[in-house]
Amino acid sequence: MSSYLIPAEENRITTTVSNSRFIATAACVTSSDEARQFIQRIRSDMLDASHHVYAFRVGYGNSTIEGMSDDGEPSGTAGPPVLAVLRGSNIGDIIIVVTRYFGGTKLGTGGLVRAYSDAARAVLASLKTQEKRARCVVGIEFSYAAYETIKRLAAKYEGKIEDETFASEVTLIIRLPVEHFPAFAQAVNELTAGRSQAIILS
């Protein structure tokens, strides 16, 4: 997957069901640690709430890390419905925390599933997104004579030089969009007459 949509900014929507308030907050997270920190921030912001249900997906497509919690609601009525909405959203690197303030009326199992699903869908409906391009880390070793040319080549293919080592030869570590790697690697090969190869490190 060379690119996918991610949240461009934090978004919050409040819905009300039978006097219970459901405050859904969506944001971008790029790791499980970031997700946990975000959940803790929401808990701290709304300490008097009844529940802080959450679901998150880090990554996109077949390589995702997922997490969820019913946070005291009946098992399967809160976290799984929110995660199901996320899975159908075509958005990666995302977390939704649905904070509930109990209004005195029990909603029942079906009512809870609908309320949490609707809250998640509502916050996604007005969420601003942006494209995230998948990038790879590339290593390349070459002679000093090719230094300036390869730097220009990296820039041409939207690569960002992350490390430079100068020894008997020059070694560059470059992060560039995945979709540009084949053309970049071919250009390096041609430029150095096959003496240097661009290798994906991660």
Protein backbone atom coordinates (compact mmCIF):
# COMPACT_ATOMS: atom_id res chain seq x y z
CA MET A 1 0.00 0.00 0.00
CA SER A 2 1.78 3.12 -1.23
CA SER A 3 -0.63 5.61 0.38
CA TYR A 4 -3.71 5.79 2.57
CA LEU A 5 -5.88 8.32 4.37
CA ILE A 6 -5.20 9.40 7.96
CA PRO A 7 -6.88 11.99 10.22
CA ALA A 8 -5.61 15.49 9.44
CA GLU A 9 -6.63 16.87 12.83
CA GLU A 10 -8.47 15.92 16.01
CA ASN A 11 -12.27 15.95 15.77
CA ARG A 12 -15.02 15.74 18.40
CA ILE A 13 -18.78 15.22 18.06
CA THR A 14 -21.45 14.85 20.78
CA THR A 15 -24.61 12.79 20.32
CA THR A 16 -27.42 12.18 22.82
CA VAL A 17 -29.41 8.97 23.26
CA SER A 18 -32.08 8.70 26.01
CA ASN A 19 -30.39 11.45 28.03
CA SER A 20 -26.95 9.77 27.83
CA ARG A 21 -24.30 11.90 26.15
CA PHE A 22 -21.82 10.17 23.85
CA ILE A 23 -18.75 12.32 23.12
CA ALA A 24 -16.71 10.79 20.29
CA THR A 25 -13.16 12.05 19.78
CA ALA A 26 -11.10 10.94 16.76
CA ALA A 27 -7.41 11.58 16.16
CA CYS A 28 -4.28 10.30 14.41
CA VAL A 29 -2.02 7.83 16.25
CA THR A 30 1.00 6.06 14.78
CA SER A 31 1.75 3.55 17.56
CA SER A 32 0.10 1.65 20.43
CA ASP A 33 1.94 3.94 22.87
CA GLU A 34 0.46 7.03 21.21
CA ALA A 35 -2.97 5.42 21.41
CA ARG A 36 -2.59 4.74 25.14
CA GLN A 37 -1.41 8.31 25.76
CA PHE A 38 -4.39 9.69 23.85
CA ILE A 39 -6.84 7.53 25.81
CA GLN A 40 -5.29 8.70 29.08
CA ARG A 41 -5.60 12.34 27.99
CA ILE A 42 -9.30 11.91 27.24
CA ARG A 43 -9.80 10.21 30.63
CA SER A 44 -8.03 13.10 32.35
CA ASP A 45 -10.10 15.69 30.46
CA MET A 46 -13.40 14.04 31.44
CA LEU A 47 -12.77 12.39 34.82
CA ASP A 48 -16.46 12.36 35.79
CA ALA A 49 -17.61 10.35 32.74
CA SER A 50 -19.17 6.88 33.11
CA HIS A 51 -17.15 5.14 30.38
CA HIS A 52 -14.31 5.81 27.93
CA VAL A 53 -14.81 3.23 25.19
CA TYR A 54 -12.13 3.14 22.49
CA ALA A 55 -10.92 1.43 19.34
CA PHE A 56 -7.83 2.13 17.25
CA ARG A 57 -6.09 0.96 14.09
CA VAL A 58 -2.40 1.72 13.56
CA GLY A 59 -1.30 1.16 9.97
CA TYR A 60 -3.55 0.23 7.08
CA GLY A 61 -4.59 -2.76 4.99
CA ASN A 62 -3.05 -6.09 5.93
CA SER A 63 -0.43 -4.63 8.30
CA THR A 64 -2.41 -3.08 11.14
CA ILE A 65 -2.26 -3.12 14.93
CA GLU A 66 -5.72 -2.97 16.49
CA GLY A 67 -6.97 -2.38 20.01
CA MET A 68 -10.32 -1.80 21.71
CA SER A 69 -12.08 -1.75 25.07
CA ASP A 70 -15.68 -1.83 26.31
CA ASP A 71 -14.47 -0.01 29.46
CA GLY A 72 -17.11 -1.47 31.75
CA GLU A 73 -20.00 -1.60 29.30
CA PRO A 74 -21.50 -5.09 28.72
CA SER A 75 -19.02 -7.23 26.77
CA GLY A 76 -19.13 -6.67 23.02
CA THR A 77 -21.57 -3.73 23.10
CA ALA A 78 -19.12 -0.84 22.79
CA GLY A 79 -15.50 -1.49 21.72
CA PRO A 80 -16.25 -4.00 18.93
CA PRO A 81 -18.93 -1.79 17.28
CA VAL A 82 -16.53 1.19 17.25
CA LEU A 83 -13.76 -0.99 15.80
CA ALA A 84 -16.16 -2.30 13.14
CA VAL A 85 -16.88 1.29 12.07
CA LEU A 86 -13.12 1.98 11.87
CA ARG A 87 -12.52 -1.14 9.77
CA GLY A 88 -15.07 0.06 7.25
CA SER A 89 -13.78 3.62 7.08
CA ASN A 90 -10.75 3.29 4.73
CA ILE A 91 -8.77 5.42 7.21
CA GLY A 92 -5.54 4.28 8.87
CA ASP A 93 -3.53 5.46 11.92
CA ILE A 94 -6.75 6.36 13.72
CA ILE A 95 -8.26 6.19 17.19
CA ILE A 96 -11.78 6.92 18.38
CA VAL A 97 -12.61 7.32 22.06
CA VAL A 98 -16.34 7.47 22.83
CA THR A 99 -16.91 8.98 26.27
CA ARG A 100 -20.32 8.30 27.83
CA TYR A 101 -22.08 10.34 30.47
CA PHE A 102 -24.89 8.07 31.73
CA GLY A 103 -28.27 9.79 31.62
CA GLY A 104 -30.21 7.46 33.89
CA THR A 105 -31.86 5.27 31.25
CA LYS A 106 -30.43 1.86 30.41
CA LEU A 107 -30.20 1.33 26.66
CA GLY A 108 -29.97 -2.46 26.55
CA THR A 109 -27.51 -4.47 24.48
CA GLY A 110 -28.86 -3.48 21.07
CA GLY A 111 -29.26 0.13 22.12
CA LEU A 112 -25.65 0.35 23.28
CA VAL A 113 -24.34 -1.16 20.05
CA ARG A 114 -26.35 1.36 18.02
CA ALA A 115 -25.36 4.32 20.22
CA TYR A 116 -21.63 3.60 20.10
CA SER A 117 -21.71 2.78 16.38
CA ASP A 118 -23.65 5.97 15.62
CA ALA A 119 -21.25 8.08 17.71
CA ALA A 120 -18.26 6.64 15.84
CA ARG A 121 -19.89 7.19 12.45
CA ALA A 122 -20.82 10.77 13.40
CA VAL A 123 -17.26 11.76 14.31
CA LEU A 124 -15.91 10.16 11.12
CA ALA A 125 -18.49 11.94 8.96
CA SER A 126 -16.96 15.35 9.73
CA LEU A 127 -13.35 14.21 10.12
CA LYS A 128 -10.81 15.95 7.90
CA THR A 129 -8.32 13.53 6.35
CA GLN A 130 -5.05 13.74 4.44
CA GLU A 131 -2.97 11.30 2.42
CA LYS A 132 -0.11 9.45 4.09
CA ARG A 133 2.42 8.02 1.68
CA ALA A 134 4.18 4.83 2.68
CA ARG A 135 7.95 5.28 2.79
CA CYS A 136 10.91 2.92 2.91
CA VAL A 137 14.41 3.37 4.29
CA VAL A 138 17.08 2.84 1.64
CA GLY A 139 20.84 2.39 2.02
CA ILE A 140 23.34 3.11 -0.75
CA GLU A 141 27.15 3.14 -0.89
CA PHE A 142 29.05 4.90 -3.68
CA SER A 143 32.20 6.80 -4.61
CA TYR A 144 32.78 10.44 -3.64
CA ALA A 145 32.55 11.47 -7.29
CA ALA A 146 28.86 10.52 -7.41
CA TYR A 147 27.91 12.32 -4.18
CA GLU A 148 26.28 15.48 -5.54
CA THR A 149 24.56 13.64 -8.39
CA ILE A 150 23.00 11.03 -6.09
CA LYS A 151 21.86 13.74 -3.67
CA ARG A 152 20.06 15.45 -6.57
CA LEU A 153 18.63 12.09 -7.62
CA ALA A 154 17.27 11.49 -4.12
CA ALA A 155 15.60 14.91 -4.16
CA LYS A 156 14.10 14.20 -7.58
CA TYR A 157 12.37 11.11 -6.18
CA GLU A 158 11.19 12.96 -3.03
CA GLY A 159 13.75 11.24 -0.83
CA LYS A 160 14.89 12.65 2.50
CA ILE A 161 18.52 11.99 3.51
CA GLU A 162 18.52 10.80 7.12
CA ASP A 163 22.20 9.92 7.57
CA GLU A 164 25.53 10.38 5.77
CA THR A 165 28.76 8.51 6.46
CA PHE A 166 32.06 9.43 4.82
CA ALA A 167 34.69 6.67 4.86
CA SER A 168 36.48 5.05 1.93
CA GLU A 169 33.15 5.57 0.18
CA VAL A 170 30.03 7.58 0.95
CA THR A 171 27.05 5.85 2.57
CA LEU A 172 23.61 7.50 2.51
CA ILE A 173 20.49 6.45 4.38
CA ILE A 174 17.47 7.83 2.53
CA ARG A 175 13.74 7.66 3.30
CA LEU A 176 11.62 7.87 0.16
CA PRO A 177 8.09 7.01 -1.02
CA VAL A 178 7.72 3.28 -1.66
CA GLU A 179 6.33 3.82 -5.14
CA HIS A 180 9.48 5.73 -6.18
CA PHE A 181 11.98 3.06 -5.08
CA PRO A 182 12.09 0.98 -8.32
CA ALA A 183 12.81 4.03 -10.50
CA PHE A 184 15.30 5.44 -7.99
CA ALA A 185 17.16 2.11 -7.72
CA GLN A 186 17.34 1.83 -11.52
CA ALA A 187 18.64 5.40 -11.83
CA VAL A 188 21.37 4.72 -9.22
CA ASN A 189 22.37 1.55 -11.05
CA GLU A 190 22.63 3.40 -14.35
CA LEU A 191 24.45 6.38 -12.86
CA THR A 192 27.15 4.20 -11.27
CA ALA A 193 27.33 1.68 -14.15
CA GLY A 194 26.16 -1.06 -11.80
CA ARG A 195 28.82 -0.44 -9.14
CA SER A 196 26.28 0.74 -6.54
CA GLN A 197 22.91 -0.70 -5.59
CA ALA A 198 20.11 0.93 -3.58
CA ILE A 199 18.94 -1.55 -0.93
CA ILE A 200 15.73 -1.36 1.13
CA LEU A 201 16.68 -1.54 4.83
CA SER A 202 13.17 -1.27 6.24
